Amino acid sequence: MQRFFIYLILFIAGFLLFGWYFSNITLYLILSLILAALLRPLTNRLNDFHVLGQHIPRWTAIMVSYIAIILFLVSIGLLFFPLINNQI
């Protein structure tokens, strides 16, 4: 049992050292994992959708998902930009 805790501490220390060494890309990696997790259900749903009796290709479903997220973020920005601009 003591050996397990030593290995666990070494693993955690190695993981933290790895994260510190690559800290300039760690944020991008975390954000990309979150974005992939958020877009997977939408992409799967679009991939199962039939158009003229055929499935939508995976790459098309991914592009539509990205466009939907971009449009959502732009619309939120357009909604709140005038409100914030009036407060300044």
PDB file of N, CA and C in Angstrom:
ATOM      1  N   MET A   1       0.821  -1.191   0.000  1.00  0.00           N
ATOM      2  CA  MET A   1       0.000   0.000   0.000  1.00  0.00           C
ATOM      3  C   MET A   1       0.866   1.256   0.000  1.00  0.00           C
ATOM      4  N   GLN A   2       1.998   1.175   0.694  1.00  0.00           N
ATOM      5  CA  GLN A   2       2.885   2.327   0.742  1.00  0.00           C
ATOM      6  C   GLN A   2       3.505   2.577  -0.639  1.00  0.00           C
ATOM      7  N   ARG A   3       3.775   1.510  -1.362  1.00  0.00           N
ATOM      8  CA  ARG A   3       4.340   1.642  -2.702  1.00  0.00           C
ATOM      9  C   ARG A   3       3.345   2.339  -3.637  1.00  0.00           C
ATOM     10  N   PHE A   4       2.059   2.050  -3.463  1.00  0.00           N
ATOM     11  CA  PHE A   4       1.026   2.692  -4.267  1.00  0.00           C
ATOM     12  C   PHE A   4       1.041   4.204  -4.065  1.00  0.00           C
ATOM     13  N   PHE A   5       1.137   4.649  -2.818  1.00  0.00           N
ATOM     14  CA  PHE A   5       1.149   6.085  -2.542  1.00  0.00           C
ATOM     15  C   PHE A   5       2.409   6.753  -3.085  1.00  0.00           C
ATOM     16  N   ILE A   6       3.514   6.053  -3.059  1.00  0.00           N
ATOM     17  CA  ILE A   6       4.750   6.608  -3.626  1.00  0.00           C
ATOM     18  C   ILE A   6       4.591   6.781  -5.135  1.00  0.00           C
ATOM     19  N   TYR A   7       4.041   5.767  -5.791  1.00  0.00           N
ATOM     20  CA  TYR A   7       3.807   5.873  -7.232  1.00  0.00           C
ATOM     21  C   TYR A   7       2.788   6.969  -7.551  1.00  0.00           C
ATOM     22  N   LEU A   8       1.768   7.087  -6.726  1.00  0.00           N
ATOM     23  CA  LEU A   8       0.762   8.120  -6.928  1.00  0.00           C
ATOM     24  C   LEU A   8       1.369   9.511  -6.788  1.00  0.00           C
ATOM     25  N   ILE A   9       2.193   9.716  -5.789  1.00  0.00           N
ATOM     26  CA  ILE A   9       2.853  11.009  -5.589  1.00  0.00           C
ATOM     27  C   ILE A   9       3.804  11.300  -6.741  1.00  0.00           C
ATOM     28  N   LEU A  10       4.548  10.293  -7.192  1.00  0.00           N
ATOM     29  CA  LEU A  10       5.443  10.491  -8.333  1.00  0.00           C
ATOM     30  C   LEU A  10       4.663  10.810  -9.610  1.00  0.00           C
ATOM     31  N   PHE A  11       3.535  10.158  -9.793  1.00  0.00           N
ATOM     32  CA  PHE A  11       2.711  10.436 -10.966  1.00  0.00           C
ATOM     33  C   PHE A  11       2.169  11.855 -10.929  1.00  0.00           C
ATOM     34  N   ILE A  12       1.657  12.271  -9.783  1.00  0.00           N
ATOM     35  CA  ILE A  12       1.122  13.629  -9.649  1.00  0.00           C
ATOM     36  C   ILE A  12       2.224  14.658  -9.841  1.00  0.00           C
ATOM     37  N   ALA A  13       3.396  14.411  -9.274  1.00  0.00           N
ATOM     38  CA  ALA A  13       4.519  15.336  -9.439  1.00  0.00           C
ATOM     39  C   ALA A  13       4.947  15.406 -10.904  1.00  0.00           C
ATOM     40  N   GLY A  14       4.998  14.269 -11.572  1.00  0.00           N
ATOM     41  CA  GLY A  14       5.348  14.254 -12.991  1.00  0.00           C
ATOM     42  C   GLY A  14       4.306  14.967 -13.840  1.00  0.00           C
ATOM     43  N   PHE A  15       3.050  14.770 -13.502  1.00  0.00           N
ATOM     44  CA  PHE A  15       1.976  15.440 -14.229  1.00  0.00           C
ATOM     45  C   PHE A  15       2.054  16.952 -14.050  1.00  0.00           C
ATOM     46  N   LEU A  16       2.298  17.406 -12.828  1.00  0.00           N
ATOM     47  CA  LEU A  16       2.434  18.842 -12.571  1.00  0.00           C
ATOM     48  C   LEU A  16       3.668  19.416 -13.256  1.00  0.00           C
ATOM     49  N   LEU A  17       4.765  18.678 -13.243  1.00  0.00           N
ATOM     50  CA  LEU A  17       5.979  19.135 -13.920  1.00  0.00           C
ATOM     51  C   LEU A  17       5.753  19.224 -15.429  1.00  0.00           C
ATOM     52  N   PHE A  18       5.073  18.245 -15.973  1.00  0.00           N
ATOM     53  CA  PHE A  18       4.739  18.256 -17.397  1.00  0.00           C
ATOM     54  C   PHE A  18       3.852  19.453 -17.727  1.00  0.00           C
ATOM     55  N   GLY A  19       2.847  19.710 -16.884  1.00  0.00           N
ATOM     56  CA  GLY A  19       1.964  20.856 -17.089  1.00  0.00           C
ATOM     57  C   GLY A  19       2.693  22.179 -16.979  1.00  0.00           C
ATOM     58  N   TRP A  20       3.631  22.269 -16.052  1.00  0.00           N
ATOM     59  CA  TRP A  20       4.398  23.509 -15.897  1.00  0.00           C
ATOM     60  C   TRP A  20       5.328  23.717 -17.089  1.00  0.00           C
ATOM     61  N   TYR A  21       5.955  22.654 -17.553  1.00  0.00           N
ATOM     62  CA  TYR A  21       6.894  22.759 -18.669  1.00  0.00           C
ATOM     63  C   TYR A  21       6.180  23.202 -19.943  1.00  0.00           C
ATOM     64  N   PHE A  22       4.979  22.690 -20.151  1.00  0.00           N
ATOM     65  CA  PHE A  22       4.203  23.043 -21.336  1.00  0.00           C
ATOM     66  C   PHE A  22       3.073  24.011 -20.994  1.00  0.00           C
ATOM     67  N   SER A  23       3.305  24.906 -20.057  1.00  0.00           N
ATOM     68  CA  SER A  23       2.251  25.803 -19.593  1.00  0.00           C
ATOM     69  C   SER A  23       1.770  26.761 -20.673  1.00  0.00           C
ATOM     70  N   ASN A  24       2.593  27.039 -21.664  1.00  0.00           N
ATOM     71  CA  ASN A  24       2.152  27.956 -22.711  1.00  0.00           C
ATOM     72  C   ASN A  24       1.085  27.342 -23.613  1.00  0.00           C
ATOM     73  N   ILE A  25       0.987  26.028 -23.689  1.00  0.00           N
ATOM     74  CA  ILE A  25      -0.050  25.408 -24.511  1.00  0.00           C
ATOM     75  C   ILE A  25      -1.089  24.662 -23.677  1.00  0.00           C
ATOM     76  N   THR A  26      -0.917  24.610 -22.368  1.00  0.00           N
ATOM     77  CA  THR A  26      -1.850  23.870 -21.524  1.00  0.00           C
ATOM     78  C   THR A  26      -3.252  24.459 -21.605  1.00  0.00           C
ATOM     79  N   LEU A  27      -3.361  25.778 -21.590  1.00  0.00           N
ATOM     80  CA  LEU A  27      -4.674  26.418 -21.673  1.00  0.00           C
ATOM     81  C   LEU A  27      -5.364  26.077 -22.991  1.00  0.00           C
ATOM     82  N   TYR A  28      -4.628  26.103 -24.086  1.00  0.00           N
ATOM     83  CA  TYR A  28      -5.210  25.761 -25.387  1.00  0.00           C
ATOM     84  C   TYR A  28      -5.669  24.305 -25.421  1.00  0.00           C
ATOM     85  N   LEU A  29      -4.906  23.428 -24.803  1.00  0.00           N
ATOM     86  CA  LEU A  29      -5.278  22.019 -24.756  1.00  0.00           C
ATOM     87  C   LEU A  29      -6.563  21.822 -23.962  1.00  0.00           C
ATOM     88  N   ILE A  30      -6.660  22.474 -22.813  1.00  0.00           N
ATOM     89  CA  ILE A  30      -7.855  22.348 -21.979  1.00  0.00           C
ATOM     90  C   ILE A  30      -9.074  22.914 -22.702  1.00  0.00           C
ATOM     91  N   LEU A  31      -8.918  24.086 -23.328  1.00  0.00           N
ATOM     92  CA  LEU A  31     -10.038  24.684 -24.063  1.00  0.00           C
ATOM     93  C   LEU A  31     -10.466  23.819 -25.247  1.00  0.00           C
ATOM     94  N   SER A  32      -9.510  23.207 -25.925  1.00  0.00           N
ATOM     95  CA  SER A  32      -9.871  22.351 -27.055  1.00  0.00           C
ATOM     96  C   SER A  32     -10.599  21.090 -26.589  1.00  0.00           C
ATOM     97  N   LEU A  33     -10.218  20.551 -25.443  1.00  0.00           N
ATOM     98  CA  LEU A  33     -10.924  19.385 -24.907  1.00  0.00           C
ATOM     99  C   LEU A  33     -12.353  19.739 -24.509  1.00  0.00           C
ATOM    100  N   ILE A  34     -12.530  20.914 -23.906  1.00  0.00           N
ATOM    101  CA  ILE A  34     -13.873  21.356 -23.527  1.00  0.00           C
ATOM    102  C   ILE A  34     -14.726  21.589 -24.766  1.00  0.00           C
ATOM    103  N   LEU A  35     -14.153  22.237 -25.779  1.00  0.00           N
ATOM    104  CA  LEU A  35     -14.892  22.495 -27.012  1.00  0.00           C
ATOM    105  C   LEU A  35     -15.272  21.190 -27.712  1.00  0.00           C
ATOM    106  N   ALA A  36     -14.366  20.241 -27.735  1.00  0.00           N
ATOM    107  CA  ALA A  36     -14.666  18.944 -28.358  1.00  0.00           C
ATOM    108  C   ALA A  36     -15.777  18.220 -27.604  1.00  0.00           C
ATOM    109  N   ALA A  37     -15.752  18.305 -26.276  1.00  0.00           N
ATOM    110  CA  ALA A  37     -16.796  17.653 -25.485  1.00  0.00           C
ATOM    111  C   ALA A  37     -18.151  18.324 -25.688  1.00  0.00           C
ATOM    112  N   LEU A  38     -18.144  19.635 -25.875  1.00  0.00           N
ATOM    113  CA  LEU A  38     -19.403  20.341 -26.094  1.00  0.00           C
ATOM    114  C   LEU A  38     -19.974  20.093 -27.490  1.00  0.00           C
ATOM    115  N   LEU A  39     -19.110  19.961 -28.476  1.00  0.00           N
ATOM    116  CA  LEU A  39     -19.578  19.818 -29.854  1.00  0.00           C
ATOM    117  C   LEU A  39     -19.878  18.379 -30.264  1.00  0.00           C
ATOM    118  N   ARG A  40     -19.424  17.416 -29.504  1.00  0.00           N
ATOM    119  CA  ARG A  40     -19.629  16.016 -29.895  1.00  0.00           C
ATOM    120  C   ARG A  40     -21.107  15.631 -30.014  1.00  0.00           C
ATOM    121  N   PRO A  41     -21.983  15.968 -29.048  1.00  0.00           N
ATOM    122  CA  PRO A  41     -23.392  15.574 -29.220  1.00  0.00           C
ATOM    123  C   PRO A  41     -24.053  16.215 -30.441  1.00  0.00           C
ATOM    124  N   LEU A  42     -23.763  17.498 -30.685  1.00  0.00           N
ATOM    125  CA  LEU A  42     -24.331  18.165 -31.853  1.00  0.00           C
ATOM    126  C   LEU A  42     -23.818  17.533 -33.141  1.00  0.00           C
ATOM    127  N   THR A  43     -22.539  17.224 -33.182  1.00  0.00           N
ATOM    128  CA  THR A  43     -21.952  16.602 -34.370  1.00  0.00           C
ATOM    129  C   THR A  43     -22.538  15.212 -34.601  1.00  0.00           C
ATOM    130  N   ASN A  44     -22.701  14.441 -33.549  1.00  0.00           N
ATOM    131  CA  ASN A  44     -23.295  13.104 -33.696  1.00  0.00           C
ATOM    132  C   ASN A  44     -24.738  13.190 -34.178  1.00  0.00           C
ATOM    133  N   ARG A  45     -25.475  14.156 -33.650  1.00  0.00           N
ATOM    134  CA  ARG A  45     -26.867  14.320 -34.066  1.00  0.00           C
ATOM    135  C   ARG A  45     -26.951  14.722 -35.538  1.00  0.00           C
ATOM    136  N   LEU A  46     -26.084  15.651 -35.946  1.00  0.00           N
ATOM    137  CA  LEU A  46     -26.078  16.066 -37.353  1.00  0.00           C
ATOM    138  C   LEU A  46     -25.601  14.945 -38.270  1.00  0.00           C
ATOM    139  N   ASN A  47     -24.692  14.127 -37.785  1.00  0.00           N
ATOM    140  CA  ASN A  47     -24.179  13.018 -38.587  1.00  0.00           C
ATOM    141  C   ASN A  47     -25.266  11.971 -38.843  1.00  0.00           C
ATOM    142  N   ASP A  48     -26.200  11.817 -37.911  1.00  0.00           N
ATOM    143  CA  ASP A  48     -27.292  10.856 -38.076  1.00  0.00           C
ATOM    144  C   ASP A  48     -28.448  11.409 -38.905  1.00  0.00           C
ATOM    145  N   PHE A  49     -28.429  12.694 -39.186  1.00  0.00           N
ATOM    146  CA  PHE A  49     -29.501  13.338 -39.944  1.00  0.00           C
ATOM    147  C   PHE A  49     -29.429  12.920 -41.413  1.00  0.00           C
ATOM    148  N   HIS A  50     -30.577  12.650 -42.005  1.00  0.00           N
ATOM    149  CA  HIS A  50     -30.637  12.210 -43.403  1.00  0.00           C
ATOM    150  C   HIS A  50     -31.070  13.361 -44.305  1.00  0.00           C
ATOM    151  N   VAL A  51     -30.350  13.531 -45.404  1.00  0.00           N
ATOM    152  CA  VAL A  51     -30.724  14.484 -46.446  1.00  0.00           C
ATOM    153  C   VAL A  51     -30.801  13.703 -47.750  1.00  0.00           C
ATOM    154  N   LEU A  52     -31.969  13.687 -48.339  1.00  0.00           N
ATOM    155  CA  LEU A  52     -32.217  12.937 -49.574  1.00  0.00           C
ATOM    156  C   LEU A  52     -31.829  11.463 -49.430  1.00  0.00           C
ATOM    157  N   GLY A  53     -32.095  10.899 -48.254  1.00  0.00           N
ATOM    158  CA  GLY A  53     -31.834   9.486 -48.020  1.00  0.00           C
ATOM    159  C   GLY A  53     -30.400   9.135 -47.688  1.00  0.00           C
ATOM    160  N   GLN A  54     -29.528  10.117 -47.524  1.00  0.00           N
ATOM    161  CA  GLN A  54     -28.130   9.841 -47.208  1.00  0.00           C
ATOM    162  C   GLN A  54     -27.730  10.587 -45.937  1.00  0.00           C
ATOM    163  N   HIS A  55     -26.753  10.006 -45.244  1.00  0.00           N
ATOM    164  CA  HIS A  55     -26.225  10.656 -44.049  1.00  0.00           C
ATOM    165  C   HIS A  55     -25.404  11.877 -44.433  1.00  0.00           C
ATOM    166  N   ILE A  56     -25.404  12.866 -43.549  1.00  0.00           N
ATOM    167  CA  ILE A  56     -24.503  14.006 -43.726  1.00  0.00           C
ATOM    168  C   ILE A  56     -23.103  13.524 -43.359  1.00  0.00           C
ATOM    169  N   PRO A  57     -22.096  13.821 -44.179  1.00  0.00           N
ATOM    170  CA  PRO A  57     -20.730  13.391 -43.847  1.00  0.00           C
ATOM    171  C   PRO A  57     -20.257  13.983 -42.516  1.00  0.00           C
ATOM    172  N   ARG A  58     -19.328  13.292 -41.890  1.00  0.00           N
ATOM    173  CA  ARG A  58     -18.827  13.723 -40.579  1.00  0.00           C
ATOM    174  C   ARG A  58     -18.182  15.104 -40.652  1.00  0.00           C
ATOM    175  N   TRP A  59     -17.395  15.354 -41.702  1.00  0.00           N
ATOM    176  CA  TRP A  59     -16.713  16.643 -41.797  1.00  0.00           C
ATOM    177  C   TRP A  59     -17.716  17.786 -41.953  1.00  0.00           C
ATOM    178  N   THR A  60     -18.831  17.528 -42.651  1.00  0.00           N
ATOM    179  CA  THR A  60     -19.858  18.557 -42.802  1.00  0.00           C
ATOM    180  C   THR A  60     -20.543  18.824 -41.469  1.00  0.00           C
ATOM    181  N   ALA A  61     -20.802  17.777 -40.712  1.00  0.00           N
ATOM    182  CA  ALA A  61     -21.413  17.948 -39.399  1.00  0.00           C
ATOM    183  C   ALA A  61     -20.493  18.736 -38.467  1.00  0.00           C
ATOM    184  N   ILE A  62     -19.199  18.482 -38.553  1.00  0.00           N
ATOM    185  CA  ILE A  62     -18.237  19.212 -37.723  1.00  0.00           C
ATOM    186  C   ILE A  62     -18.210  20.681 -38.118  1.00  0.00           C
ATOM    187  N   MET A  63     -18.186  20.963 -39.418  1.00  0.00           N
ATOM    188  CA  MET A  63     -18.162  22.360 -39.872  1.00  0.00           C
ATOM    189  C   MET A  63     -19.433  23.099 -39.470  1.00  0.00           C
ATOM    190  N   VAL A  64     -20.576  22.450 -39.587  1.00  0.00           N
ATOM    191  CA  VAL A  64     -21.836  23.073 -39.180  1.00  0.00           C
ATOM    192  C   VAL A  64     -21.833  23.329 -37.677  1.00  0.00           C
ATOM    193  N   SER A  65     -21.262  22.420 -36.904  1.00  0.00           N
ATOM    194  CA  SER A  65     -21.172  22.613 -35.455  1.00  0.00           C
ATOM    195  C   SER A  65     -20.304  23.818 -35.115  1.00  0.00           C
ATOM    196  N   TYR A  66     -19.158  23.940 -35.772  1.00  0.00           N
ATOM    197  CA  TYR A  66     -18.289  25.094 -35.535  1.00  0.00           C
ATOM    198  C   TYR A  66     -18.975  26.394 -35.942  1.00  0.00           C
ATOM    199  N   ILE A  67     -19.652  26.383 -37.065  1.00  0.00           N
ATOM    200  CA  ILE A  67     -20.355  27.586 -37.513  1.00  0.00           C
ATOM    201  C   ILE A  67     -21.459  27.956 -36.528  1.00  0.00           C
ATOM    202  N   ALA A  68     -22.161  26.961 -35.993  1.00  0.00           N
ATOM    203  CA  ALA A  68     -23.213  27.232 -35.010  1.00  0.00           C
ATOM    204  C   ALA A  68     -22.634  27.866 -33.748  1.00  0.00           C
ATOM    205  N   ILE A  69     -21.495  27.362 -33.275  1.00  0.00           N
ATOM    206  CA  ILE A  69     -20.869  27.940 -32.086  1.00  0.00           C
ATOM    207  C   ILE A  69     -20.399  29.360 -32.365  1.00  0.00           C
ATOM    208  N   ILE A  70     -19.806  29.589 -33.530  1.00  0.00           N
ATOM    209  CA  ILE A  70     -19.332  30.934 -33.877  1.00  0.00           C
ATOM    210  C   ILE A  70     -20.506  31.901 -33.974  1.00  0.00           C
ATOM    211  N   LEU A  71     -21.595  31.486 -34.618  1.00  0.00           N
ATOM    212  CA  LEU A  71     -22.772  32.346 -34.714  1.00  0.00           C
ATOM    213  C   LEU A  71     -23.367  32.638 -33.343  1.00  0.00           C
ATOM    214  N   PHE A  72     -23.366  31.656 -32.468  1.00  0.00           N
ATOM    215  CA  PHE A  72     -23.870  31.861 -31.114  1.00  0.00           C
ATOM    216  C   PHE A  72     -23.020  32.889 -30.373  1.00  0.00           C
ATOM    217  N   LEU A  73     -21.701  32.754 -30.449  1.00  0.00           N
ATOM    218  CA  LEU A  73     -20.824  33.693 -29.753  1.00  0.00           C
ATOM    219  C   LEU A  73     -20.926  35.098 -30.340  1.00  0.00           C
ATOM    220  N   VAL A  74     -21.035  35.209 -31.659  1.00  0.00           N
ATOM    221  CA  VAL A  74     -21.178  36.524 -32.289  1.00  0.00           C
ATOM    222  C   VAL A  74     -22.506  37.161 -31.895  1.00  0.00           C
ATOM    223  N   SER A  75     -23.569  36.379 -31.866  1.00  0.00           N
ATOM    224  CA  SER A  75     -24.869  36.945 -31.486  1.00  0.00           C
ATOM    225  C   SER A  75     -24.877  37.390 -30.028  1.00  0.00           C
ATOM    226  N   ILE A  76     -24.221  36.652 -29.154  1.00  0.00           N
ATOM    227  CA  ILE A  76     -24.106  37.086 -27.754  1.00  0.00           C
ATOM    228  C   ILE A  76     -23.308  38.378 -27.676  1.00  0.00           C
ATOM    229  N   GLY A  77     -22.222  38.462 -28.452  1.00  0.00           N
ATOM    230  CA  GLY A  77     -21.426  39.687 -28.479  1.00  0.00           C
ATOM    231  C   GLY A  77     -22.219  40.870 -29.001  1.00  0.00           C
ATOM    232  N   LEU A  78     -22.988  40.667 -30.077  1.00  0.00           N
ATOM    233  CA  LEU A  78     -23.805  41.747 -30.625  1.00  0.00           C
ATOM    234  C   LEU A  78     -24.924  42.152 -29.677  1.00  0.00           C
ATOM    235  N   LEU A  79     -25.376  41.225 -28.870  1.00  0.00           N
ATOM    236  CA  LEU A  79     -26.427  41.536 -27.911  1.00  0.00           C
ATOM    237  C   LEU A  79     -25.896  42.378 -26.757  1.00  0.00           C
ATOM    238  N   PHE A  80     -24.717  42.022 -26.254  1.00  0.00           N
ATOM    239  CA  PHE A  80     -24.204  42.696 -25.066  1.00  0.00           C
ATOM    240  C   PHE A  80     -23.287  43.872 -25.361  1.00  0.00           C
ATOM    241  N   PHE A  81     -22.746  43.984 -26.565  1.00  0.00           N
ATOM    242  CA  PHE A  81     -21.840  45.090 -26.872  1.00  0.00           C
ATOM    243  C   PHE A  81     -22.508  46.453 -26.719  1.00  0.00           C
ATOM    244  N   PRO A  82     -23.729  46.668 -27.249  1.00  0.00           N
ATOM    245  CA  PRO A  82     -24.353  47.986 -27.046  1.00  0.00           C
ATOM    246  C   PRO A  82     -24.642  48.286 -25.574  1.00  0.00           C
ATOM    247  N   LEU A  83     -25.011  47.278 -24.821  1.00  0.00           N
ATOM    248  CA  LEU A  83     -25.283  47.503 -23.404  1.00  0.00           C
ATOM    249  C   LEU A  83     -24.025  47.916 -22.653  1.00  0.00           C
ATOM    250  N   ILE A  84     -22.926  47.257 -22.940  1.00  0.00           N
ATOM    251  CA  ILE A  84     -21.657  47.595 -22.290  1.00  0.00           C
ATOM    252  C   ILE A  84     -21.158  48.940 -22.784  1.00  0.00           C
ATOM    253  N   ASN A  85     -21.340  49.227 -24.063  1.00  0.00           N
ATOM    254  CA  ASN A  85     -20.894  50.493 -24.633  1.00  0.00           C
ATOM    255  C   ASN A  85     -21.659  51.672 -24.020  1.00  0.00           C
ATOM    256  N   ASN A  86     -22.942  51.501 -23.724  1.00  0.00           N
ATOM    257  CA  ASN A  86     -23.722  52.566 -23.088  1.00  0.00           C
ATOM    258  C   ASN A  86     -23.294  52.813 -21.652  1.00  0.00           C
ATOM    259  N   GLN A  87     -22.752  51.816 -20.997  1.00  0.00           N
ATOM    260  CA  GLN A  87     -22.320  51.964 -19.607  1.00  0.00           C
ATOM    261  C   GLN A  87     -20.988  52.686 -19.486  1.00  0.00           C
ATOM    262  N   ILE A  88     -20.208  52.700 -20.542  1.00  0.00           N
ATOM    263  CA  ILE A  88     -18.875  53.322 -20.483  1.00  0.00           C
ATOM    264  C   ILE A  88     -18.969  54.812 -20.681  1.00  0.00           C
TER     265      ILE A  88
END
